[in-house]
Amino acid sequence: MVGTFRDAAAEGSGSIPRWKSNLNLFWQFGRWEMGLSSSHVSSVTEQILAQNRSRDAGAWSREDVQLSYRFNTGESLVTLGIENFLDEQPPFLGSALNDNFDVRGQDLSGRFLYARLSHRL
């Protein structure tokens, strides 16, 4: 049923949120490039069969940003980025088997910073 979570171990389909969305924006200003990526999963009602009750598990969002600079030759690019910029944790699902969140629709990794240097040969 849409808007619910019932773990597969309890013969459910996992999380079926009413809404899931992804938004990706990219800007380029001369040698500078910037990207923003946002994912959102609406709240679900967790069905806890062992206790014959349900509860709202809340929504989840994740924002990633990156900034790049292209050198004079255009062949080299340096990028700095942050994944899960706001360090948003997925909602707790007490009836999820072993992991307490739905691995099929959310990501447990917290804020992650990275740098990348690319060169086209």
PDB file of N, CA and C in Angstrom:
ATOM      1  N   MET A   1       0.839  -1.170   0.000  1.00  0.00           N
ATOM      2  CA  MET A   1       0.000   0.000   0.000  1.00  0.00           C
ATOM      3  C   MET A   1       0.896   1.249   0.000  1.00  0.00           C
ATOM      4  N   VAL A   2       0.542   2.250  -0.786  1.00  0.00           N
ATOM      5  CA  VAL A   2       1.311   3.476  -0.908  1.00  0.00           C
ATOM      6  C   VAL A   2       1.387   4.206   0.429  1.00  0.00           C
ATOM      7  N   GLY A   3       2.592   4.701   0.756  1.00  0.00           N
ATOM      8  CA  GLY A   3       2.801   5.447   1.987  1.00  0.00           C
ATOM      9  C   GLY A   3       3.080   4.587   3.202  1.00  0.00           C
ATOM     10  N   THR A   4       3.423   3.304   2.980  1.00  0.00           N
ATOM     11  CA  THR A   4       3.664   2.409   4.111  1.00  0.00           C
ATOM     12  C   THR A   4       5.024   1.723   4.016  1.00  0.00           C
ATOM     13  N   PHE A   5       5.470   1.192   5.156  1.00  0.00           N
ATOM     14  CA  PHE A   5       6.642   0.324   5.214  1.00  0.00           C
ATOM     15  C   PHE A   5       6.251  -0.942   5.946  1.00  0.00           C
ATOM     16  N   ARG A   6       6.529  -2.059   5.322  1.00  0.00           N
ATOM     17  CA  ARG A   6       6.362  -3.367   5.962  1.00  0.00           C
ATOM     18  C   ARG A   6       7.514  -4.211   5.461  1.00  0.00           C
ATOM     19  N   ASP A   7       8.366  -4.648   6.383  1.00  0.00           N
ATOM     20  CA  ASP A   7       9.590  -5.354   6.001  1.00  0.00           C
ATOM     21  C   ASP A   7       9.288  -6.647   5.256  1.00  0.00           C
ATOM     22  N   ALA A   8      10.178  -6.987   4.327  1.00  0.00           N
ATOM     23  CA  ALA A   8      10.022  -8.211   3.535  1.00  0.00           C
ATOM     24  C   ALA A   8      10.010  -9.450   4.426  1.00  0.00           C
ATOM     25  N   ALA A   9      10.706  -9.393   5.569  1.00  0.00           N
ATOM     26  CA  ALA A   9      10.719 -10.532   6.493  1.00  0.00           C
ATOM     27  C   ALA A   9       9.329 -10.769   7.084  1.00  0.00           C
ATOM     28  N   ALA A  10       8.499  -9.728   7.066  1.00  0.00           N
ATOM     29  CA  ALA A  10       7.118  -9.855   7.549  1.00  0.00           C
ATOM     30  C   ALA A  10       6.161  -9.937   6.357  1.00  0.00           C
ATOM     31  N   GLU A  11       6.670 -10.452   5.245  1.00  0.00           N
ATOM     32  CA  GLU A  11       5.907 -10.629   4.003  1.00  0.00           C
ATOM     33  C   GLU A  11       5.394  -9.313   3.434  1.00  0.00           C
ATOM     34  N   GLY A  12       6.180  -8.260   3.599  1.00  0.00           N
ATOM     35  CA  GLY A  12       5.815  -6.957   3.049  1.00  0.00           C
ATOM     36  C   GLY A  12       6.661  -6.614   1.833  1.00  0.00           C
ATOM     37  N   SER A  13       6.428  -5.440   1.296  1.00  0.00           N
ATOM     38  CA  SER A  13       7.150  -4.976   0.108  1.00  0.00           C
ATOM     39  C   SER A  13       8.210  -3.949   0.443  1.00  0.00           C
ATOM     40  N   GLY A  14       8.518  -3.780   1.707  1.00  0.00           N
ATOM     41  CA  GLY A  14       9.468  -2.742   2.105  1.00  0.00           C
ATOM     42  C   GLY A  14       8.783  -1.392   2.123  1.00  0.00           C
ATOM     43  N   SER A  15       9.522  -0.388   1.756  1.00  0.00           N
ATOM     44  CA  SER A  15       9.022   0.978   1.792  1.00  0.00           C
ATOM     45  C   SER A  15       8.379   1.340   0.453  1.00  0.00           C
ATOM     46  N   ILE A  16       7.163   1.862   0.510  1.00  0.00           N
ATOM     47  CA  ILE A  16       6.467   2.341  -0.685  1.00  0.00           C
ATOM     48  C   ILE A  16       6.023   3.775  -0.392  1.00  0.00           C
ATOM     49  N   PRO A  17       6.949   4.738  -0.513  1.00  0.00           N
ATOM     50  CA  PRO A  17       6.585   6.125  -0.218  1.00  0.00           C
ATOM     51  C   PRO A  17       5.634   6.684  -1.269  1.00  0.00           C
ATOM     52  N   ARG A  18       4.853   7.641  -0.866  1.00  0.00           N
ATOM     53  CA  ARG A  18       3.923   8.292  -1.801  1.00  0.00           C
ATOM     54  C   ARG A  18       4.714   9.088  -2.834  1.00  0.00           C
ATOM     55  N   TRP A  19       5.802   9.751  -2.420  1.00  0.00           N
ATOM     56  CA  TRP A  19       6.599  10.579  -3.317  1.00  0.00           C
ATOM     57  C   TRP A  19       8.089  10.290  -3.165  1.00  0.00           C
ATOM     58  N   LYS A  20       8.770  10.241  -4.287  1.00  0.00           N
ATOM     59  CA  LYS A  20      10.238  10.211  -4.334  1.00  0.00           C
ATOM     60  C   LYS A  20      10.626  11.202  -5.420  1.00  0.00           C
ATOM     61  N   SER A  21      11.638  12.004  -5.154  1.00  0.00           N
ATOM     62  CA  SER A  21      12.046  12.979  -6.156  1.00  0.00           C
ATOM     63  C   SER A  21      13.555  13.141  -6.171  1.00  0.00           C
ATOM     64  N   ASN A  22      14.061  13.511  -7.325  1.00  0.00           N
ATOM     65  CA  ASN A  22      15.467  13.844  -7.523  1.00  0.00           C
ATOM     66  C   ASN A  22      15.530  15.140  -8.310  1.00  0.00           C
ATOM     67  N   LEU A  23      16.415  16.033  -7.907  1.00  0.00           N
ATOM     68  CA  LEU A  23      16.625  17.287  -8.602  1.00  0.00           C
ATOM     69  C   LEU A  23      18.123  17.465  -8.768  1.00  0.00           C
ATOM     70  N   ASN A  24      18.559  17.718  -9.984  1.00  0.00           N
ATOM     71  CA  ASN A  24      19.968  17.959 -10.270  1.00  0.00           C
ATOM     72  C   ASN A  24      20.096  19.283 -10.999  1.00  0.00           C
ATOM     73  N   LEU A  25      20.953  20.170 -10.481  1.00  0.00           N
ATOM     74  CA  LEU A  25      21.215  21.462 -11.099  1.00  0.00           C
ATOM     75  C   LEU A  25      22.706  21.567 -11.378  1.00  0.00           C
ATOM     76  N   PHE A  26      23.030  22.196 -12.501  1.00  0.00           N
ATOM     77  CA  PHE A  26      24.431  22.348 -12.876  1.00  0.00           C
ATOM     78  C   PHE A  26      24.623  23.749 -13.445  1.00  0.00           C
ATOM     79  N   TRP A  27      25.635  24.454 -12.958  1.00  0.00           N
ATOM     80  CA  TRP A  27      25.958  25.784 -13.459  1.00  0.00           C
ATOM     81  C   TRP A  27      27.395  25.795 -13.945  1.00  0.00           C
ATOM     82  N   GLN A  28      27.647  26.577 -14.985  1.00  0.00           N
ATOM     83  CA  GLN A  28      29.008  26.749 -15.479  1.00  0.00           C
ATOM     84  C   GLN A  28      29.233  28.241 -15.712  1.00  0.00           C
ATOM     85  N   PHE A  29      30.279  28.781 -15.111  1.00  0.00           N
ATOM     86  CA  PHE A  29      30.655  30.192 -15.233  1.00  0.00           C
ATOM     87  C   PHE A  29      32.129  30.241 -15.631  1.00  0.00           C
ATOM     88  N   GLY A  30      32.394  30.354 -16.897  1.00  0.00           N
ATOM     89  CA  GLY A  30      33.781  30.359 -17.355  1.00  0.00           C
ATOM     90  C   GLY A  30      34.466  29.053 -17.001  1.00  0.00           C
ATOM     91  N   ARG A  31      35.492  29.144 -16.194  1.00  0.00           N
ATOM     92  CA  ARG A  31      36.242  27.940 -15.790  1.00  0.00           C
ATOM     93  C   ARG A  31      35.633  27.238 -14.572  1.00  0.00           C
ATOM     94  N   TRP A  32      34.653  27.842 -13.929  1.00  0.00           N
ATOM     95  CA  TRP A  32      34.050  27.296 -12.718  1.00  0.00           C
ATOM     96  C   TRP A  32      32.797  26.504 -13.059  1.00  0.00           C
ATOM     97  N   GLU A  33      32.588  25.404 -12.349  1.00  0.00           N
ATOM     98  CA  GLU A  33      31.387  24.586 -12.494  1.00  0.00           C
ATOM     99  C   GLU A  33      30.869  24.250 -11.103  1.00  0.00           C
ATOM    100  N   MET A  34      29.558  24.250 -10.952  1.00  0.00           N
ATOM    101  CA  MET A  34      28.964  23.910  -9.662  1.00  0.00           C
ATOM    102  C   MET A  34      27.778  22.985  -9.894  1.00  0.00           C
ATOM    103  N   GLY A  35      27.658  21.978  -9.052  1.00  0.00           N
ATOM    104  CA  GLY A  35      26.540  21.047  -9.157  1.00  0.00           C
ATOM    105  C   GLY A  35      25.842  20.891  -7.825  1.00  0.00           C
ATOM    106  N   LEU A  36      24.533  20.727  -7.890  1.00  0.00           N
ATOM    107  CA  LEU A  36      23.723  20.484  -6.704  1.00  0.00           C
ATOM    108  C   LEU A  36      22.773  19.347  -7.032  1.00  0.00           C
ATOM    109  N   SER A  37      22.729  18.369  -6.155  1.00  0.00           N
ATOM    110  CA  SER A  37      21.846  17.223  -6.333  1.00  0.00           C
ATOM    111  C   SER A  37      21.035  17.052  -5.053  1.00  0.00           C
ATOM    112  N   SER A  38      19.736  16.867  -5.209  1.00  0.00           N
ATOM    113  CA  SER A  38      18.863  16.711  -4.053  1.00  0.00           C
ATOM    114  C   SER A  38      17.928  15.523  -4.274  1.00  0.00           C
ATOM    115  N   SER A  39      17.806  14.669  -3.264  1.00  0.00           N
ATOM    116  CA  SER A  39      16.888  13.525  -3.305  1.00  0.00           C
ATOM    117  C   SER A  39      15.956  13.624  -2.100  1.00  0.00           C
ATOM    118  N   HIS A  40      14.700  13.265  -2.309  1.00  0.00           N
ATOM    119  CA  HIS A  40      13.727  13.327  -1.222  1.00  0.00           C
ATOM    120  C   HIS A  40      12.829  12.089  -1.284  1.00  0.00           C
ATOM    121  N   VAL A  41      12.557  11.515  -0.125  1.00  0.00           N
ATOM    122  CA  VAL A  41      11.629  10.393   0.007  1.00  0.00           C
ATOM    123  C   VAL A  41      10.607  10.797   1.067  1.00  0.00           C
ATOM    124  N   SER A  42       9.320  10.771   0.701  1.00  0.00           N
ATOM    125  CA  SER A  42       8.283  11.194   1.645  1.00  0.00           C
ATOM    126  C   SER A  42       8.150  10.200   2.802  1.00  0.00           C
ATOM    127  N   SER A  43       7.483  10.635   3.839  1.00  0.00           N
ATOM    128  CA  SER A  43       7.313   9.796   5.029  1.00  0.00           C
ATOM    129  C   SER A  43       6.471   8.558   4.716  1.00  0.00           C
ATOM    130  N   VAL A  44       6.684   7.542   5.521  1.00  0.00           N
ATOM    131  CA  VAL A  44       5.906   6.310   5.403  1.00  0.00           C
ATOM    132  C   VAL A  44       5.364   5.942   6.783  1.00  0.00           C
ATOM    133  N   THR A  45       4.296   5.180   6.790  1.00  0.00           N
ATOM    134  CA  THR A  45       3.737   4.655   8.029  1.00  0.00           C
ATOM    135  C   THR A  45       4.248   3.236   8.193  1.00  0.00           C
ATOM    136  N   GLU A  46       5.022   3.028   9.253  1.00  0.00           N
ATOM    137  CA  GLU A  46       5.590   1.706   9.518  1.00  0.00           C
ATOM    138  C   GLU A  46       4.531   0.818  10.163  1.00  0.00           C
ATOM    139  N   GLN A  47       4.322  -0.352   9.577  1.00  0.00           N
ATOM    140  CA  GLN A  47       3.372  -1.318  10.133  1.00  0.00           C
ATOM    141  C   GLN A  47       4.153  -2.318  10.980  1.00  0.00           C
ATOM    142  N   ILE A  48       3.917  -2.293  12.286  1.00  0.00           N
ATOM    143  CA  ILE A  48       4.622  -3.170  13.223  1.00  0.00           C
ATOM    144  C   ILE A  48       3.661  -4.296  13.600  1.00  0.00           C
ATOM    145  N   LEU A  49       3.811  -5.416  12.897  1.00  0.00           N
ATOM    146  CA  LEU A  49       2.865  -6.523  13.071  1.00  0.00           C
ATOM    147  C   LEU A  49       2.972  -7.176  14.437  1.00  0.00           C
ATOM    148  N   ALA A  50       4.186  -7.288  14.987  1.00  0.00           N
ATOM    149  CA  ALA A  50       4.375  -7.960  16.269  1.00  0.00           C
ATOM    150  C   ALA A  50       3.609  -7.255  17.394  1.00  0.00           C
ATOM    151  N   GLN A  51       3.417  -5.943  17.259  1.00  0.00           N
ATOM    152  CA  GLN A  51       2.713  -5.175  18.285  1.00  0.00           C
ATOM    153  C   GLN A  51       1.329  -4.721  17.814  1.00  0.00           C
ATOM    154  N   ASN A  52       0.956  -5.111  16.601  1.00  0.00           N
ATOM    155  CA  ASN A  52      -0.335  -4.769  16.023  1.00  0.00           C
ATOM    156  C   ASN A  52      -0.601  -3.256  16.071  1.00  0.00           C
ATOM    157  N   ARG A  53       0.401  -2.476  15.613  1.00  0.00           N
ATOM    158  CA  ARG A  53       0.251  -1.021  15.592  1.00  0.00           C
ATOM    159  C   ARG A  53       1.046  -0.445  14.419  1.00  0.00           C
ATOM    160  N   SER A  54       0.935   0.852  14.213  1.00  0.00           N
ATOM    161  CA  SER A  54       1.696   1.534  13.173  1.00  0.00           C
ATOM    162  C   SER A  54       2.211   2.865  13.718  1.00  0.00           C
ATOM    163  N   ARG A  55       3.219   3.419  13.037  1.00  0.00           N
ATOM    164  CA  ARG A  55       3.788   4.702  13.438  1.00  0.00           C
ATOM    165  C   ARG A  55       4.358   5.419  12.233  1.00  0.00           C
ATOM    166  N   ASP A  56       4.384   6.751  12.275  1.00  0.00           N
ATOM    167  CA  ASP A  56       4.940   7.557  11.190  1.00  0.00           C
ATOM    168  C   ASP A  56       6.464   7.570  11.300  1.00  0.00           C
ATOM    169  N   ALA A  57       7.138   7.222  10.210  1.00  0.00           N
ATOM    170  CA  ALA A  57       8.603   7.141  10.237  1.00  0.00           C
ATOM    171  C   ALA A  57       9.276   8.405   9.737  1.00  0.00           C
ATOM    172  N   GLY A  58       8.560   9.359   9.196  1.00  0.00           N
ATOM    173  CA  GLY A  58       9.161  10.624   8.774  1.00  0.00           C
ATOM    174  C   GLY A  58       9.781  10.565   7.383  1.00  0.00           C
ATOM    175  N   ALA A  59      10.019  11.738   6.815  1.00  0.00           N
ATOM    176  CA  ALA A  59      10.595  11.874   5.478  1.00  0.00           C
ATOM    177  C   ALA A  59      12.120  11.911   5.563  1.00  0.00           C
ATOM    178  N   TRP A  60      12.758  11.817   4.403  1.00  0.00           N
ATOM    179  CA  TRP A  60      14.223  11.832   4.336  1.00  0.00           C
ATOM    180  C   TRP A  60      14.670  12.591   3.101  1.00  0.00           C
ATOM    181  N   SER A  61      15.675  13.441   3.265  1.00  0.00           N
ATOM    182  CA  SER A  61      16.255  14.187   2.144  1.00  0.00           C
ATOM    183  C   SER A  61      17.771  14.112   2.210  1.00  0.00           C
ATOM    184  N   ARG A  62      18.378  14.264   1.040  1.00  0.00           N
ATOM    185  CA  ARG A  62      19.837  14.255   0.964  1.00  0.00           C
ATOM    186  C   ARG A  62      20.256  15.257  -0.098  1.00  0.00           C
ATOM    187  N   GLU A  63      21.212  16.118   0.241  1.00  0.00           N
ATOM    188  CA  GLU A  63      21.738  17.108  -0.689  1.00  0.00           C
ATOM    189  C   GLU A  63      23.235  16.906  -0.869  1.00  0.00           C
ATOM    190  N   ASP A  64      23.670  16.915  -2.118  1.00  0.00           N
ATOM    191  CA  ASP A  64      25.083  16.791  -2.468  1.00  0.00           C
ATOM    192  C   ASP A  64      25.482  18.039  -3.251  1.00  0.00           C
ATOM    193  N   VAL A  65      26.675  18.575  -2.988  1.00  0.00           N
ATOM    194  CA  VAL A  65      27.175  19.736  -3.725  1.00  0.00           C
ATOM    195  C   VAL A  65      28.595  19.457  -4.193  1.00  0.00           C
ATOM    196  N   GLN A  66      28.956  20.071  -5.326  1.00  0.00           N
ATOM    197  CA  GLN A  66      30.335  19.977  -5.778  1.00  0.00           C
ATOM    198  C   GLN A  66      30.703  21.252  -6.524  1.00  0.00           C
ATOM    199  N   LEU A  67      31.975  21.610  -6.431  1.00  0.00           N
ATOM    200  CA  LEU A  67      32.521  22.786  -7.086  1.00  0.00           C
ATOM    201  C   LEU A  67      33.772  22.356  -7.831  1.00  0.00           C
ATOM    202  N   SER A  68      33.874  22.751  -9.110  1.00  0.00           N
ATOM    203  CA  SER A  68      35.016  22.348  -9.935  1.00  0.00           C
ATOM    204  C   SER A  68      35.645  23.568 -10.594  1.00  0.00           C
ATOM    205  N   TYR A  69      36.926  23.449 -10.862  1.00  0.00           N
ATOM    206  CA  TYR A  69      37.672  24.484 -11.589  1.00  0.00           C
ATOM    207  C   TYR A  69      38.445  23.818 -12.714  1.00  0.00           C
ATOM    208  N   ARG A  70      38.282  24.344 -13.939  1.00  0.00           N
ATOM    209  CA  ARG A  70      38.963  23.809 -15.115  1.00  0.00           C
ATOM    210  C   ARG A  70      40.162  24.711 -15.415  1.00  0.00           C
ATOM    211  N   PHE A  71      41.352  24.105 -15.501  1.00  0.00           N
ATOM    212  CA  PHE A  71      42.572  24.872 -15.757  1.00  0.00           C
ATOM    213  C   PHE A  71      42.637  25.351 -17.200  1.00  0.00           C
ATOM    214  N   ASN A  72      43.587  26.251 -17.484  1.00  0.00           N
ATOM    215  CA  ASN A  72      43.725  26.893 -18.802  1.00  0.00           C
ATOM    216  C   ASN A  72      43.640  25.932 -19.971  1.00  0.00           C
ATOM    217  N   THR A  73      44.289  24.833 -19.882  1.00  0.00           N
ATOM    218  CA  THR A  73      44.335  23.907 -21.015  1.00  0.00           C
ATOM    219  C   THR A  73      42.992  23.236 -21.259  1.00  0.00           C
ATOM    220  N   GLY A  74      42.124  23.245 -20.261  1.00  0.00           N
ATOM    221  CA  GLY A  74      40.835  22.576 -20.393  1.00  0.00           C
ATOM    222  C   GLY A  74      40.942  21.074 -20.209  1.00  0.00           C
ATOM    223  N   GLU A  75      42.152  20.589 -20.063  1.00  0.00           N
ATOM    224  CA  GLU A  75      42.390  19.148 -19.937  1.00  0.00           C
ATOM    225  C   GLU A  75      42.383  18.694 -18.478  1.00  0.00           C
ATOM    226  N   SER A  76      42.602  19.629 -17.541  1.00  0.00           N
ATOM    227  CA  SER A  76      42.671  19.285 -16.117  1.00  0.00           C
ATOM    228  C   SER A  76      41.521  19.929 -15.356  1.00  0.00           C
ATOM    229  N   LEU A  77      40.997  19.197 -14.413  1.00  0.00           N
ATOM    230  CA  LEU A  77      39.855  19.651 -13.632  1.00  0.00           C
ATOM    231  C   LEU A  77      40.057  19.226 -12.185  1.00  0.00           C
ATOM    232  N   VAL A  78      39.884  20.155 -11.255  1.00  0.00           N
ATOM    233  CA  VAL A  78      39.933  19.824  -9.835  1.00  0.00           C
ATOM    234  C   VAL A  78      38.518  20.031  -9.274  1.00  0.00           C
ATOM    235  N   THR A  79      38.067  19.071  -8.475  1.00  0.00           N
ATOM    236  CA  THR A  79      36.702  19.095  -7.937  1.00  0.00           C
ATOM    237  C   THR A  79      36.736  18.870  -6.434  1.00  0.00           C
ATOM    238  N   LEU A  80      35.952  19.652  -5.708  1.00  0.00           N
ATOM    239  CA  LEU A  80      35.722  19.458  -4.279  1.00  0.00           C
ATOM    240  C   LEU A  80      34.227  19.246  -4.104  1.00  0.00           C
ATOM    241  N   GLY A  81      33.869  18.293  -3.254  1.00  0.00           N
ATOM    242  CA  GLY A  81      32.451  18.018  -3.086  1.00  0.00           C
ATOM    243  C   GLY A  81      32.111  17.532  -1.694  1.00  0.00           C
ATOM    244  N   ILE A  82      30.837  17.629  -1.381  1.00  0.00           N
ATOM    245  CA  ILE A  82      30.304  17.120  -0.117  1.00  0.00           C
ATOM    246  C   ILE A  82      29.036  16.344  -0.435  1.00  0.00           C
ATOM    247  N   GLU A  83      29.022  15.079  -0.094  1.00  0.00           N
ATOM    248  CA  GLU A  83      27.820  14.259  -0.218  1.00  0.00           C
ATOM    249  C   GLU A  83      27.085  14.287   1.115  1.00  0.00           C
ATOM    250  N   ASN A  84      25.767  14.290   1.064  1.00  0.00           N
ATOM    251  CA  ASN A  84      24.910  14.408   2.251  1.00  0.00           C
ATOM    252  C   ASN A  84      25.334  15.631   3.080  1.00  0.00           C
ATOM    253  N   PHE A  85      25.332  16.770   2.406  1.00  0.00           N
ATOM    254  CA  PHE A  85      25.799  18.043   2.957  1.00  0.00           C
ATOM    255  C   PHE A  85      25.208  18.358   4.338  1.00  0.00           C
ATOM    256  N   LEU A  86      23.935  18.076   4.538  1.00  0.00           N
ATOM    257  CA  LEU A  86      23.261  18.383   5.804  1.00  0.00           C
ATOM    258  C   LEU A  86      23.353  17.241   6.821  1.00  0.00           C
ATOM    259  N   ASP A  87      24.068  16.167   6.471  1.00  0.00           N
ATOM    260  CA  ASP A  87      24.277  15.011   7.347  1.00  0.00           C
ATOM    261  C   ASP A  87      22.948  14.421   7.838  1.00  0.00           C
ATOM    262  N   GLU A  88      22.012  14.267   6.924  1.00  0.00           N
ATOM    263  CA  GLU A  88      20.672  13.760   7.236  1.00  0.00           C
ATOM    264  C   GLU A  88      20.684  12.235   7.344  1.00  0.00           C
ATOM    265  N   GLN A  89      20.226  11.723   8.467  1.00  0.00           N
ATOM    266  CA  GLN A  89      20.137  10.278   8.666  1.00  0.00           C
ATOM    267  C   GLN A  89      18.745   9.790   8.255  1.00  0.00           C
ATOM    268  N   PRO A  90      18.650   8.568   7.724  1.00  0.00           N
ATOM    269  CA  PRO A  90      17.328   8.061   7.334  1.00  0.00           C
ATOM    270  C   PRO A  90      16.455   7.850   8.569  1.00  0.00           C
ATOM    271  N   PRO A  91      15.132   7.859   8.381  1.00  0.00           N
ATOM    272  CA  PRO A  91      14.236   7.654   9.523  1.00  0.00           C
ATOM    273  C   PRO A  91      14.375   6.246  10.101  1.00  0.00           C
ATOM    274  N   PHE A  92      14.223   6.144  11.391  1.00  0.00           N
ATOM    275  CA  PHE A  92      14.306   4.870  12.101  1.00  0.00           C
ATOM    276  C   PHE A  92      13.083   4.023  11.772  1.00  0.00           C
ATOM    277  N   LEU A  93      13.334   2.775  11.401  1.00  0.00           N
ATOM    278  CA  LEU A  93      12.266   1.793  11.154  1.00  0.00           C
ATOM    279  C   LEU A  93      12.559   0.587  12.040  1.00  0.00           C
ATOM    280  N   GLY A  94      11.914   0.525  13.174  1.00  0.00           N
ATOM    281  CA  GLY A  94      12.186  -0.504  14.163  1.00  0.00           C
ATOM    282  C   GLY A  94      11.909  -1.918  13.688  1.00  0.00           C
ATOM    283  N   SER A  95      11.029  -2.086  12.717  1.00  0.00           N
ATOM    284  CA  SER A  95      10.710  -3.436  12.252  1.00  0.00           C
ATOM    285  C   SER A  95      11.550  -3.870  11.052  1.00  0.00           C
ATOM    286  N   ALA A  96      12.468  -3.000  10.589  1.00  0.00           N
ATOM    287  CA  ALA A  96      13.339  -3.369   9.461  1.00  0.00           C
ATOM    288  C   ALA A  96      14.335  -4.424   9.931  1.00  0.00           C
ATOM    289  N   LEU A  97      14.535  -5.435   9.131  1.00  0.00           N
ATOM    290  CA  LEU A  97      15.394  -6.551   9.510  1.00  0.00           C
ATOM    291  C   LEU A  97      16.852  -6.115   9.561  1.00  0.00           C
ATOM    292  N   ASN A  98      17.485  -6.191  10.722  1.00  0.00           N
ATOM    293  CA  ASN A  98      18.910  -5.979  10.977  1.00  0.00           C
ATOM    294  C   ASN A  98      19.427  -4.553  10.885  1.00  0.00           C
ATOM    295  N   ASP A  99      18.838  -3.673  10.099  1.00  0.00           N
ATOM    296  CA  ASP A  99      19.493  -2.395   9.853  1.00  0.00           C
ATOM    297  C   ASP A  99      18.721  -1.156  10.313  1.00  0.00           C
ATOM    298  N   ASN A 100      17.487  -1.277  10.718  1.00  0.00           N
ATOM    299  CA  ASN A 100      16.661  -0.197  11.262  1.00  0.00           C
ATOM    300  C   ASN A 100      16.409   0.974  10.317  1.00  0.00           C
ATOM    301  N   PHE A 101      16.582   0.769   9.009  1.00  0.00           N
ATOM    302  CA  PHE A 101      16.154   1.720   7.987  1.00  0.00           C
ATOM    303  C   PHE A 101      15.956   0.929   6.700  1.00  0.00           C
ATOM    304  N   ASP A 102      15.331   1.525   5.712  1.00  0.00           N
ATOM    305  CA  ASP A 102      15.055   0.814   4.468  1.00  0.00           C
ATOM    306  C   ASP A 102      16.185   1.033   3.468  1.00  0.00           C
ATOM    307  N   VAL A 103      17.020   0.040   3.287  1.00  0.00           N
ATOM    308  CA  VAL A 103      18.189   0.146   2.398  1.00  0.00           C
ATOM    309  C   VAL A 103      17.777   0.316   0.938  1.00  0.00           C
ATOM    310  N   ARG A 104      16.550   0.009   0.597  1.00  0.00           N
ATOM    311  CA  ARG A 104      16.099   0.112  -0.790  1.00  0.00           C
ATOM    312  C   ARG A 104      15.755   1.541  -1.188  1.00  0.00           C
ATOM    313  N   GLY A 105      15.547   2.422  -0.221  1.00  0.00           N
ATOM    314  CA  GLY A 105      15.139   3.778  -0.568  1.00  0.00           C
ATOM    315  C   GLY A 105      15.938   4.880   0.090  1.00  0.00           C
ATOM    316  N   GLN A 106      16.800   4.526   1.043  1.00  0.00           N
ATOM    317  CA  GLN A 106      17.573   5.531   1.760  1.00  0.00           C
ATOM    318  C   GLN A 106      19.008   5.063   1.941  1.00  0.00           C
ATOM    319  N   ASP A 107      19.851   6.000   2.319  1.00  0.00           N
ATOM    320  CA  ASP A 107      21.277   5.738   2.437  1.00  0.00           C
ATOM    321  C   ASP A 107      21.729   6.110   3.843  1.00  0.00           C
ATOM    322  N   LEU A 108      22.462   5.228   4.499  1.00  0.00           N
ATOM    323  CA  LEU A 108      22.902   5.446   5.870  1.00  0.00           C
ATOM    324  C   LEU A 108      24.171   6.290   5.957  1.00  0.00           C
ATOM    325  N   SER A 109      24.912   6.422   4.856  1.00  0.00           N
ATOM    326  CA  SER A 109      26.182   7.147   4.936  1.00  0.00           C
ATOM    327  C   SER A 109      25.937   8.610   5.296  1.00  0.00           C
ATOM    328  N   GLY A 110      26.735   9.094   6.204  1.00  0.00           N
ATOM    329  CA  GLY A 110      26.619  10.476   6.652  1.00  0.00           C
ATOM    330  C   GLY A 110      27.362  11.417   5.727  1.00  0.00           C
ATOM    331  N   ARG A 111      27.683  12.597   6.232  1.00  0.00           N
ATOM    332  CA  ARG A 111      28.392  13.602   5.447  1.00  0.00           C
ATOM    333  C   ARG A 111      29.745  13.036   4.989  1.00  0.00           C
ATOM    334  N   PHE A 112      30.062  13.279   3.729  1.00  0.00           N
ATOM    335  CA  PHE A 112      31.288  12.738   3.136  1.00  0.00           C
ATOM    336  C   PHE A 112      31.917  13.802   2.252  1.00  0.00           C
ATOM    337  N   LEU A 113      33.149  14.180   2.556  1.00  0.00           N
ATOM    338  CA  LEU A 113      33.866  15.171   1.762  1.00  0.00           C
ATOM    339  C   LEU A 113      34.830  14.463   0.821  1.00  0.00           C
ATOM    340  N   TYR A 114      35.015  15.015  -0.374  1.00  0.00           N
ATOM    341  CA  TYR A 114      35.943  14.404  -1.319  1.00  0.00           C
ATOM    342  C   TYR A 114      36.593  15.461  -2.196  1.00  0.00           C
ATOM    343  N   ALA A 115      37.737  15.093  -2.766  1.00  0.00           N
ATOM    344  CA  ALA A 115      38.448  15.908  -3.750  1.00  0.00           C
ATOM    345  C   ALA A 115      38.847  15.004  -4.892  1.00  0.00           C
ATOM    346  N   ARG A 116      38.816  15.560  -6.103  1.00  0.00           N
ATOM    347  CA  ARG A 116      39.157  14.759  -7.273  1.00  0.00           C
ATOM    348  C   ARG A 116      39.960  15.628  -8.229  1.00  0.00           C
ATOM    349  N   LEU A 117      41.006  15.071  -8.798  1.00  0.00           N
ATOM    350  CA  LEU A 117      41.805  15.721  -9.826  1.00  0.00           C
ATOM    351  C   LEU A 117      41.731  14.861 -11.072  1.00  0.00           C
ATOM    352  N   SER A 118      41.261  15.436 -12.175  1.00  0.00           N
ATOM    353  CA  SER A 118      41.122  14.697 -13.425  1.00  0.00           C
ATOM    354  C   SER A 118      41.969  15.351 -14.485  1.00  0.00           C
ATOM    355  N   HIS A 119      42.525  14.527 -15.352  1.00  0.00           N
ATOM    356  CA  HIS A 119      43.305  15.046 -16.482  1.00  0.00           C
ATOM    357  C   HIS A 119      43.015  14.181 -17.694  1.00  0.00           C
ATOM    358  N   ARG A 120      42.613  14.809 -18.775  1.00  0.00           N
ATOM    359  CA  ARG A 120      42.330  14.097 -20.022  1.00  0.00           C
ATOM    360  C   ARG A 120      43.626  13.981 -20.808  1.00  0.00           C
ATOM    361  N   LEU A 121      43.989  12.754 -21.186  1.00  0.00           N
ATOM    362  CA  LEU A 121      45.223  12.528 -21.957  1.00  0.00           C
ATOM    363  C   LEU A 121      44.982  12.633 -23.437  1.00  0.00           C
TER     364      LEU A 121
END
